[in-house]
Amino acid sequence: MTPSNENSWRGSMSQVSIADRHTGRRKTLLWEQIAELLRREIELREPGTQLDTELELAARFGVSRFTVRQALADLERRGLVRIQHGRGLFVAEQAIPFVLDGRMRFSDNLKRLGLSSTRKFLGSWHEPADAIAALALDIEEGDEVVVVRAMAFVANRPIGLTRDLYPAERFSGIEDLLSDNPSPTAALTQLGVEDYRRKNTRISSRMPDQEEADLLGITRTRPLLETTKIDVDVSGQPIAWGVSSFPADRVHIVVE
């Protein structure tokens, strides 16, 4: 933007704010106008495209970095951009619809959309079941469970974190299978579970902690969608109780 164009742009911005005094309507604040201009530009960009830095935008519009930060925060809240600290500002990708029903696995859902996913094993440990886990898994409180953490990726982008609990007595060694191949379905098949289904799912939301934000490449101000599920085998016996956490702007939950 040339200096003359920049001065013209800033003049028109001032006129918009002043004109509102005569109409009695709420003023359009400077950062709101910048956010609207950026929104129009974003519509013409491909998802994942890196945008100008905060400093570059401040210089371009002739405003303070604080004003630019307000505009970017608004765009992030609306799911139009994602801010990755240390990497920059990017056009947000389209959210993935995640269909919840008794049979649909997340990987199956992605295949239906023509997308592929990978899972990364993050770690595992054994612990005594608390009252909530014991009720979900139909075991005694204090019985040993295997806890497995993993992260799912779509197109090399972190899409969610999972934490699954399995009764240790029935599924001894499942953590070793999952460390080699993080597919729960494959591991359960090797341990004698030929088929299973989702008994129920609860949906909630919360803010991420710092570790989750770092793993998912988001800020702590971006909410998570969380699904808590119980899987059962063909006889109806619970085999897994787990929690999956997704950045709210990356996944849409669809209940059928």
C-alpha atoms as a PDB file:
ATOM      1  CA  MET A   1       0.000   0.000   0.000  1.00  0.00           C
ATOM      2  CA  THR A   2       1.488   3.348  -1.029  1.00  0.00           C
ATOM      3  CA  PRO A   3       1.680   6.264   1.498  1.00  0.00           C
ATOM      4  CA  SER A   4      -1.059   8.180  -0.357  1.00  0.00           C
ATOM      5  CA  ASN A   5      -3.353   5.156  -0.406  1.00  0.00           C
ATOM      6  CA  GLU A   6      -2.572   4.482   3.240  1.00  0.00           C
ATOM      7  CA  ASN A   7      -3.489   8.057   4.208  1.00  0.00           C
ATOM      8  CA  SER A   8      -6.693   7.777   2.181  1.00  0.00           C
ATOM      9  CA  TRP A   9      -7.513   4.493   3.877  1.00  0.00           C
ATOM     10  CA  ARG A  10      -6.962   5.964   7.347  1.00  0.00           C
ATOM     11  CA  GLY A  11      -9.030   9.019   6.433  1.00  0.00           C
ATOM     12  CA  SER A  12     -11.951   6.894   5.325  1.00  0.00           C
ATOM     13  CA  MET A  13     -11.696   4.899   8.569  1.00  0.00           C
ATOM     14  CA  SER A  14     -11.950   8.100  10.599  1.00  0.00           C
ATOM     15  CA  GLN A  15     -14.927   9.274   8.574  1.00  0.00           C
ATOM     16  CA  VAL A  16     -16.811   6.075   9.278  1.00  0.00           C
ATOM     17  CA  SER A  17     -16.379   6.520  13.027  1.00  0.00           C
ATOM     18  CA  ILE A  18     -17.280  10.225  12.972  1.00  0.00           C
ATOM     19  CA  ALA A  19     -20.335   9.702  10.759  1.00  0.00           C
ATOM     20  CA  ASP A  20     -21.848   7.487  13.427  1.00  0.00           C
ATOM     21  CA  ARG A  21     -22.155  10.478  15.748  1.00  0.00           C
ATOM     22  CA  HIS A  22     -24.780  11.948  13.408  1.00  0.00           C
ATOM     23  CA  THR A  23     -26.780   8.738  12.936  1.00  0.00           C
ATOM     24  CA  GLY A  24     -26.923   7.818  16.604  1.00  0.00           C
ATOM     25  CA  ARG A  25     -25.777   4.294  15.822  1.00  0.00           C
ATOM     26  CA  ARG A  26     -22.941   2.554  17.673  1.00  0.00           C
ATOM     27  CA  LYS A  27     -19.534   3.500  16.317  1.00  0.00           C
ATOM     28  CA  THR A  28     -17.676   0.986  14.207  1.00  0.00           C
ATOM     29  CA  LEU A  29     -14.406   0.715  16.055  1.00  0.00           C
ATOM     30  CA  LEU A  30     -11.096   0.769  14.231  1.00  0.00           C
ATOM     31  CA  TRP A  31     -10.211  -2.812  15.053  1.00  0.00           C
ATOM     32  CA  GLU A  32     -13.660  -3.952  13.833  1.00  0.00           C
ATOM     33  CA  GLN A  33     -13.055  -2.309  10.474  1.00  0.00           C
ATOM     34  CA  ILE A  34      -9.649  -3.964  10.181  1.00  0.00           C
ATOM     35  CA  ALA A  35     -11.197  -7.312  11.099  1.00  0.00           C
ATOM     36  CA  GLU A  36     -13.809  -6.877   8.354  1.00  0.00           C
ATOM     37  CA  LEU A  37     -11.181  -6.030   5.737  1.00  0.00           C
ATOM     38  CA  LEU A  38      -9.115  -9.045   6.745  1.00  0.00           C
ATOM     39  CA  ARG A  39     -12.206 -11.267   6.665  1.00  0.00           C
ATOM     40  CA  ARG A  40     -12.802 -10.314   3.038  1.00  0.00           C
ATOM     41  CA  GLU A  41      -9.192 -11.124   2.188  1.00  0.00           C
ATOM     42  CA  ILE A  42      -9.342 -14.449   4.027  1.00  0.00           C
ATOM     43  CA  GLU A  43     -12.317 -15.515   1.923  1.00  0.00           C
ATOM     44  CA  LEU A  44     -10.030 -15.413  -1.125  1.00  0.00           C
ATOM     45  CA  ARG A  45      -7.235 -17.467   0.481  1.00  0.00           C
ATOM     46  CA  GLU A  46      -6.777 -21.224   0.685  1.00  0.00           C
ATOM     47  CA  PRO A  47      -7.141 -22.858   4.132  1.00  0.00           C
ATOM     48  CA  GLY A  48      -3.772 -23.145   5.838  1.00  0.00           C
ATOM     49  CA  THR A  49      -2.293 -20.143   4.005  1.00  0.00           C
ATOM     50  CA  GLN A  50       0.066 -18.138   6.189  1.00  0.00           C
ATOM     51  CA  LEU A  51      -0.911 -14.478   6.594  1.00  0.00           C
ATOM     52  CA  ASP A  52       1.069 -11.342   7.401  1.00  0.00           C
ATOM     53  CA  THR A  53       2.478 -11.041  10.889  1.00  0.00           C
ATOM     54  CA  GLU A  54       0.977  -8.805  13.535  1.00  0.00           C
ATOM     55  CA  LEU A  55       3.819  -6.322  13.037  1.00  0.00           C
ATOM     56  CA  GLU A  56       3.367  -6.296   9.251  1.00  0.00           C
ATOM     57  CA  LEU A  57      -0.379  -5.746   9.580  1.00  0.00           C
ATOM     58  CA  ALA A  58       0.177  -2.859  12.004  1.00  0.00           C
ATOM     59  CA  ALA A  59       2.530  -1.213   9.521  1.00  0.00           C
ATOM     60  CA  ARG A  60       0.193  -1.880   6.611  1.00  0.00           C
ATOM     61  CA  PHE A  61      -2.867  -0.317   8.269  1.00  0.00           C
ATOM     62  CA  GLY A  62      -0.940   2.384  10.120  1.00  0.00           C
ATOM     63  CA  VAL A  63      -2.292   1.364  13.522  1.00  0.00           C
ATOM     64  CA  SER A  64      -0.871   0.035  16.771  1.00  0.00           C
ATOM     65  CA  ARG A  65      -0.136  -3.645  17.313  1.00  0.00           C
ATOM     66  CA  PHE A  66      -2.747  -3.600  20.082  1.00  0.00           C
ATOM     67  CA  THR A  67      -5.441  -2.618  17.552  1.00  0.00           C
ATOM     68  CA  VAL A  68      -4.315  -5.384  15.186  1.00  0.00           C
ATOM     69  CA  ARG A  69      -4.325  -7.846  18.095  1.00  0.00           C
ATOM     70  CA  GLN A  70      -7.961  -6.975  18.836  1.00  0.00           C
ATOM     71  CA  ALA A  71      -8.918  -7.607  15.201  1.00  0.00           C
ATOM     72  CA  LEU A  72      -7.067 -10.942  15.093  1.00  0.00           C
ATOM     73  CA  ALA A  73      -8.598 -12.070  18.380  1.00  0.00           C
ATOM     74  CA  ASP A  74     -12.045 -11.434  16.904  1.00  0.00           C
ATOM     75  CA  LEU A  75     -11.210 -13.409  13.749  1.00  0.00           C
ATOM     76  CA  GLU A  76      -9.860 -16.266  15.856  1.00  0.00           C
ATOM     77  CA  ARG A  77     -13.023 -16.366  17.978  1.00  0.00           C
ATOM     78  CA  ARG A  78     -15.055 -16.628  14.764  1.00  0.00           C
ATOM     79  CA  GLY A  79     -12.918 -19.533  13.583  1.00  0.00           C
ATOM     80  CA  LEU A  80     -11.524 -17.673  10.556  1.00  0.00           C
ATOM     81  CA  VAL A  81      -7.855 -17.721  11.526  1.00  0.00           C
ATOM     82  CA  ARG A  82      -5.652 -19.748  13.808  1.00  0.00           C
ATOM     83  CA  ILE A  83      -2.740 -18.242  15.679  1.00  0.00           C
ATOM     84  CA  GLN A  84       0.198 -20.528  16.381  1.00  0.00           C
ATOM     85  CA  HIS A  85       2.682 -18.957  18.740  1.00  0.00           C
ATOM     86  CA  GLY A  86       6.170 -19.157  17.330  1.00  0.00           C
ATOM     87  CA  ARG A  87       4.879 -19.970  13.835  1.00  0.00           C
ATOM     88  CA  GLY A  88       2.490 -17.208  12.802  1.00  0.00           C
ATOM     89  CA  LEU A  89      -1.027 -16.529  11.588  1.00  0.00           C
ATOM     90  CA  PHE A  90      -2.896 -18.883   9.245  1.00  0.00           C
ATOM     91  CA  VAL A  91      -6.242 -19.097   7.462  1.00  0.00           C
ATOM     92  CA  ALA A  92      -8.285 -21.618   9.457  1.00  0.00           C
ATOM     93  CA  GLU A  93      -9.048 -24.971   7.873  1.00  0.00           C
ATOM     94  CA  GLN A  94     -12.607 -26.177   7.425  1.00  0.00           C
ATOM     95  CA  ALA A  95     -13.961 -28.079  10.416  1.00  0.00           C
ATOM     96  CA  ILE A  96     -14.374 -31.843  10.020  1.00  0.00           C
ATOM     97  CA  PRO A  97     -17.862 -33.278  10.698  1.00  0.00           C
ATOM     98  CA  PHE A  98     -17.615 -36.143  13.213  1.00  0.00           C
ATOM     99  CA  VAL A  99     -20.712 -38.355  13.068  1.00  0.00           C
ATOM    100  CA  LEU A 100     -21.673 -40.003  16.350  1.00  0.00           C
ATOM    101  CA  ASP A 101     -23.566 -43.262  16.182  1.00  0.00           C
ATOM    102  CA  GLY A 102     -23.181 -46.741  17.619  1.00  0.00           C
ATOM    103  CA  ARG A 103     -20.984 -48.059  14.825  1.00  0.00           C
ATOM    104  CA  MET A 104     -18.999 -45.152  13.417  1.00  0.00           C
ATOM    105  CA  ARG A 105     -15.299 -44.968  14.348  1.00  0.00           C
ATOM    106  CA  PHE A 106     -13.503 -41.675  13.860  1.00  0.00           C
ATOM    107  CA  SER A 107     -11.245 -43.243  11.195  1.00  0.00           C
ATOM    108  CA  ASP A 108     -14.319 -44.590   9.353  1.00  0.00           C
ATOM    109  CA  ASN A 109     -15.873 -41.136   9.474  1.00  0.00           C
ATOM    110  CA  LEU A 110     -12.776 -39.649   7.841  1.00  0.00           C
ATOM    111  CA  LYS A 111     -12.669 -42.317   5.142  1.00  0.00           C
ATOM    112  CA  ARG A 112     -16.264 -41.469   4.255  1.00  0.00           C
ATOM    113  CA  LEU A 113     -15.117 -37.871   3.731  1.00  0.00           C
ATOM    114  CA  GLY A 114     -12.161 -38.953   1.612  1.00  0.00           C
ATOM    115  CA  LEU A 115      -9.662 -38.037   4.339  1.00  0.00           C
ATOM    116  CA  SER A 116      -6.939 -40.124   5.923  1.00  0.00           C
ATOM    117  CA  SER A 117      -5.809 -39.978   9.518  1.00  0.00           C
ATOM    118  CA  THR A 118      -2.903 -41.147  11.602  1.00  0.00           C
ATOM    119  CA  ARG A 119      -2.533 -41.693  15.336  1.00  0.00           C
ATOM    120  CA  LYS A 120       0.510 -41.120  17.496  1.00  0.00           C
ATOM    121  CA  PHE A 121       1.000 -43.091  20.707  1.00  0.00           C
ATOM    122  CA  LEU A 122       1.815 -40.644  23.515  1.00  0.00           C
ATOM    123  CA  GLY A 123       2.222 -43.011  26.436  1.00  0.00           C
ATOM    124  CA  SER A 124       0.550 -45.459  28.815  1.00  0.00           C
ATOM    125  CA  TRP A 125       0.472 -46.469  32.453  1.00  0.00           C
ATOM    126  CA  HIS A 126      -1.453 -48.608  34.937  1.00  0.00           C
ATOM    127  CA  GLU A 127      -3.530 -47.159  37.763  1.00  0.00           C
ATOM    128  CA  PRO A 128      -6.367 -48.192  40.080  1.00  0.00           C
ATOM    129  CA  ALA A 129      -9.821 -47.366  38.751  1.00  0.00           C
ATOM    130  CA  ASP A 130     -11.583 -44.527  40.525  1.00  0.00           C
ATOM    131  CA  ALA A 131     -15.322 -44.622  41.166  1.00  0.00           C
ATOM    132  CA  ILE A 132     -16.221 -43.059  37.795  1.00  0.00           C
ATOM    133  CA  ALA A 133     -14.004 -45.394  35.753  1.00  0.00           C
ATOM    134  CA  ALA A 134     -15.179 -48.419  37.715  1.00  0.00           C
ATOM    135  CA  LEU A 135     -18.833 -47.583  37.046  1.00  0.00           C
ATOM    136  CA  ALA A 136     -18.183 -47.019  33.331  1.00  0.00           C
ATOM    137  CA  LEU A 137     -16.204 -50.253  32.910  1.00  0.00           C
ATOM    138  CA  ASP A 138     -18.382 -52.375  35.225  1.00  0.00           C
ATOM    139  CA  ILE A 139     -15.454 -53.290  37.459  1.00  0.00           C
ATOM    140  CA  GLU A 140     -14.662 -52.755  41.126  1.00  0.00           C
ATOM    141  CA  GLU A 141     -13.249 -49.474  42.338  1.00  0.00           C
ATOM    142  CA  GLY A 142      -9.503 -49.996  42.775  1.00  0.00           C
ATOM    143  CA  ASP A 143      -9.254 -52.638  40.045  1.00  0.00           C
ATOM    144  CA  GLU A 144      -6.300 -52.063  37.753  1.00  0.00           C
ATOM    145  CA  VAL A 145      -6.862 -50.292  34.436  1.00  0.00           C
ATOM    146  CA  VAL A 146      -4.538 -49.531  31.528  1.00  0.00           C
ATOM    147  CA  VAL A 147      -4.526 -45.860  30.546  1.00  0.00           C
ATOM    148  CA  VAL A 148      -3.441 -45.058  26.970  1.00  0.00           C
ATOM    149  CA  ARG A 149      -2.947 -41.559  25.551  1.00  0.00           C
ATOM    150  CA  ALA A 150      -2.741 -40.810  21.832  1.00  0.00           C
ATOM    151  CA  MET A 151      -3.059 -37.952  19.384  1.00  0.00           C
ATOM    152  CA  ALA A 152      -4.914 -38.023  16.054  1.00  0.00           C
ATOM    153  CA  PHE A 153      -3.778 -36.171  12.927  1.00  0.00           C
ATOM    154  CA  VAL A 154      -5.565 -35.311   9.680  1.00  0.00           C
ATOM    155  CA  ALA A 155      -3.360 -34.069   6.825  1.00  0.00           C
ATOM    156  CA  ASN A 156      -0.491 -33.754   9.330  1.00  0.00           C
ATOM    157  CA  ARG A 157      -2.575 -31.380  11.458  1.00  0.00           C
ATOM    158  CA  PRO A 158      -3.305 -32.290  15.104  1.00  0.00           C
ATOM    159  CA  ILE A 159      -7.040 -32.898  15.311  1.00  0.00           C
ATOM    160  CA  GLY A 160      -7.554 -34.367  18.783  1.00  0.00           C
ATOM    161  CA  LEU A 161      -6.229 -36.014  21.923  1.00  0.00           C
ATOM    162  CA  THR A 162      -7.543 -39.295  23.337  1.00  0.00           C
ATOM    163  CA  ARG A 163      -7.296 -40.905  26.754  1.00  0.00           C
ATOM    164  CA  ASP A 164      -8.697 -44.451  26.888  1.00  0.00           C
ATOM    165  CA  LEU A 165      -8.992 -46.786  29.884  1.00  0.00           C
ATOM    166  CA  TYR A 166      -9.136 -50.583  29.517  1.00  0.00           C
ATOM    167  CA  PRO A 167      -9.657 -53.230  32.241  1.00  0.00           C
ATOM    168  CA  ALA A 168      -6.124 -54.550  32.824  1.00  0.00           C
ATOM    169  CA  GLU A 169      -7.249 -58.066  33.733  1.00  0.00           C
ATOM    170  CA  ARG A 170      -8.889 -58.614  30.348  1.00  0.00           C
ATOM    171  CA  PHE A 171      -6.594 -56.497  28.177  1.00  0.00           C
ATOM    172  CA  SER A 172      -3.135 -57.151  29.572  1.00  0.00           C
ATOM    173  CA  GLY A 173      -0.515 -55.996  27.070  1.00  0.00           C
ATOM    174  CA  ILE A 174      -2.814 -53.712  25.063  1.00  0.00           C
ATOM    175  CA  GLU A 175      -0.432 -50.824  25.668  1.00  0.00           C
ATOM    176  CA  ASP A 176       2.369 -52.712  23.874  1.00  0.00           C
ATOM    177  CA  LEU A 177       0.114 -53.385  20.886  1.00  0.00           C
ATOM    178  CA  LEU A 178      -0.943 -49.736  20.741  1.00  0.00           C
ATOM    179  CA  SER A 179       2.629 -48.475  20.967  1.00  0.00           C
ATOM    180  CA  ASP A 180       3.436 -50.496  17.809  1.00  0.00           C
ATOM    181  CA  ASN A 181       0.152 -49.725  16.023  1.00  0.00           C
ATOM    182  CA  PRO A 182      -2.018 -47.007  17.633  1.00  0.00           C
ATOM    183  CA  SER A 183      -5.263 -48.411  16.159  1.00  0.00           C
ATOM    184  CA  PRO A 184      -7.586 -49.442  19.030  1.00  0.00           C
ATOM    185  CA  THR A 185      -9.646 -51.632  16.682  1.00  0.00           C
ATOM    186  CA  ALA A 186      -6.564 -53.581  15.580  1.00  0.00           C
ATOM    187  CA  ALA A 187      -5.351 -54.012  19.163  1.00  0.00           C
ATOM    188  CA  LEU A 188      -8.759 -55.174  20.421  1.00  0.00           C
ATOM    189  CA  THR A 189      -9.039 -57.654  17.549  1.00  0.00           C
ATOM    190  CA  GLN A 190      -5.690 -59.192  18.526  1.00  0.00           C
ATOM    191  CA  LEU A 191      -6.972 -59.546  22.084  1.00  0.00           C
ATOM    192  CA  GLY A 192     -10.124 -61.398  21.033  1.00  0.00           C
ATOM    193  CA  VAL A 193     -12.678 -58.618  20.549  1.00  0.00           C
ATOM    194  CA  GLU A 194     -14.085 -59.331  17.105  1.00  0.00           C
ATOM    195  CA  ASP A 195     -16.542 -56.447  17.137  1.00  0.00           C
ATOM    196  CA  TYR A 196     -17.672 -53.649  19.403  1.00  0.00           C
ATOM    197  CA  ARG A 197     -20.015 -50.687  19.411  1.00  0.00           C
ATOM    198  CA  ARG A 198     -20.491 -47.371  21.138  1.00  0.00           C
ATOM    199  CA  LYS A 199     -22.855 -47.702  24.091  1.00  0.00           C
ATOM    200  CA  ASN A 200     -23.144 -43.984  24.780  1.00  0.00           C
ATOM    201  CA  THR A 201     -21.404 -40.660  24.270  1.00  0.00           C
ATOM    202  CA  ARG A 202     -21.518 -37.483  26.330  1.00  0.00           C
ATOM    203  CA  ILE A 203     -20.495 -34.154  24.784  1.00  0.00           C
ATOM    204  CA  SER A 204     -19.103 -31.238  26.766  1.00  0.00           C
ATOM    205  CA  SER A 205     -16.684 -28.340  26.355  1.00  0.00           C
ATOM    206  CA  ARG A 206     -13.878 -26.817  28.365  1.00  0.00           C
ATOM    207  CA  MET A 207     -10.689 -24.792  27.995  1.00  0.00           C
ATOM    208  CA  PRO A 208      -7.390 -26.643  27.382  1.00  0.00           C
ATOM    209  CA  ASP A 209      -4.523 -26.822  29.841  1.00  0.00           C
ATOM    210  CA  GLN A 210      -1.062 -25.752  28.719  1.00  0.00           C
ATOM    211  CA  GLU A 211       0.110 -29.243  27.723  1.00  0.00           C
ATOM    212  CA  GLU A 212      -2.980 -29.816  25.573  1.00  0.00           C
ATOM    213  CA  ALA A 213      -2.624 -26.405  23.937  1.00  0.00           C
ATOM    214  CA  ASP A 214       1.025 -27.102  23.103  1.00  0.00           C
ATOM    215  CA  LEU A 215       0.274 -30.553  21.644  1.00  0.00           C
ATOM    216  CA  LEU A 216      -2.621 -29.270  19.526  1.00  0.00           C
ATOM    217  CA  GLY A 217      -0.867 -26.072  18.455  1.00  0.00           C
ATOM    218  CA  ILE A 218      -3.534 -23.760  19.855  1.00  0.00           C
ATOM    219  CA  THR A 219      -3.782 -21.035  22.465  1.00  0.00           C
ATOM    220  CA  ARG A 220      -5.320 -21.634  25.868  1.00  0.00           C
ATOM    221  CA  THR A 221      -8.163 -19.270  24.955  1.00  0.00           C
ATOM    222  CA  ARG A 222      -9.539 -21.681  22.311  1.00  0.00           C
ATOM    223  CA  PRO A 223     -12.140 -24.112  23.708  1.00  0.00           C
ATOM    224  CA  LEU A 224     -12.121 -27.867  23.315  1.00  0.00           C
ATOM    225  CA  LEU A 225     -15.048 -30.088  22.380  1.00  0.00           C
ATOM    226  CA  GLU A 226     -14.895 -33.211  24.498  1.00  0.00           C
ATOM    227  CA  THR A 227     -16.611 -36.566  23.958  1.00  0.00           C
ATOM    228  CA  THR A 228     -16.729 -39.159  26.727  1.00  0.00           C
ATOM    229  CA  LYS A 229     -17.663 -42.641  25.503  1.00  0.00           C
ATOM    230  CA  ILE A 230     -18.169 -46.219  26.618  1.00  0.00           C
ATOM    231  CA  ASP A 231     -17.466 -49.020  24.133  1.00  0.00           C
ATOM    232  CA  VAL A 232     -18.967 -52.481  24.658  1.00  0.00           C
ATOM    233  CA  ASP A 233     -18.414 -55.866  22.990  1.00  0.00           C
ATOM    234  CA  VAL A 234     -21.142 -57.924  21.309  1.00  0.00           C
ATOM    235  CA  SER A 235     -22.274 -59.267  24.693  1.00  0.00           C
ATOM    236  CA  GLY A 236     -22.694 -55.735  26.062  1.00  0.00           C
ATOM    237  CA  GLN A 237     -19.666 -55.920  28.370  1.00  0.00           C
ATOM    238  CA  PRO A 238     -17.755 -52.604  28.598  1.00  0.00           C
ATOM    239  CA  ILE A 239     -14.288 -52.834  27.073  1.00  0.00           C
ATOM    240  CA  ALA A 240     -13.150 -49.208  27.061  1.00  0.00           C
ATOM    241  CA  TRP A 241     -13.996 -45.875  28.614  1.00  0.00           C
ATOM    242  CA  GLY A 242     -12.402 -42.873  26.996  1.00  0.00           C
ATOM    243  CA  VAL A 243     -12.289 -39.136  26.544  1.00  0.00           C
ATOM    244  CA  SER A 244     -11.455 -37.417  23.241  1.00  0.00           C
ATOM    245  CA  SER A 245     -10.666 -33.693  23.117  1.00  0.00           C
ATOM    246  CA  PHE A 246     -10.859 -31.683  19.877  1.00  0.00           C
ATOM    247  CA  PRO A 247     -10.221 -27.990  19.158  1.00  0.00           C
ATOM    248  CA  ALA A 248     -13.767 -26.677  18.727  1.00  0.00           C
ATOM    249  CA  ASP A 249     -13.017 -25.009  15.392  1.00  0.00           C
ATOM    250  CA  ARG A 250     -11.553 -28.183  13.851  1.00  0.00           C
ATOM    251  CA  VAL A 251     -14.393 -30.638  14.459  1.00  0.00           C
ATOM    252  CA  HIS A 252     -18.188 -30.456  14.223  1.00  0.00           C
ATOM    253  CA  ILE A 253     -20.094 -33.080  16.205  1.00  0.00           C
ATOM    254  CA  VAL A 254     -23.023 -34.553  14.267  1.00  0.00           C
ATOM    255  CA  VAL A 255     -25.466 -36.766  16.160  1.00  0.00           C
ATOM    256  CA  GLU A 256     -27.504 -39.238  14.089  1.00  0.00           C
END
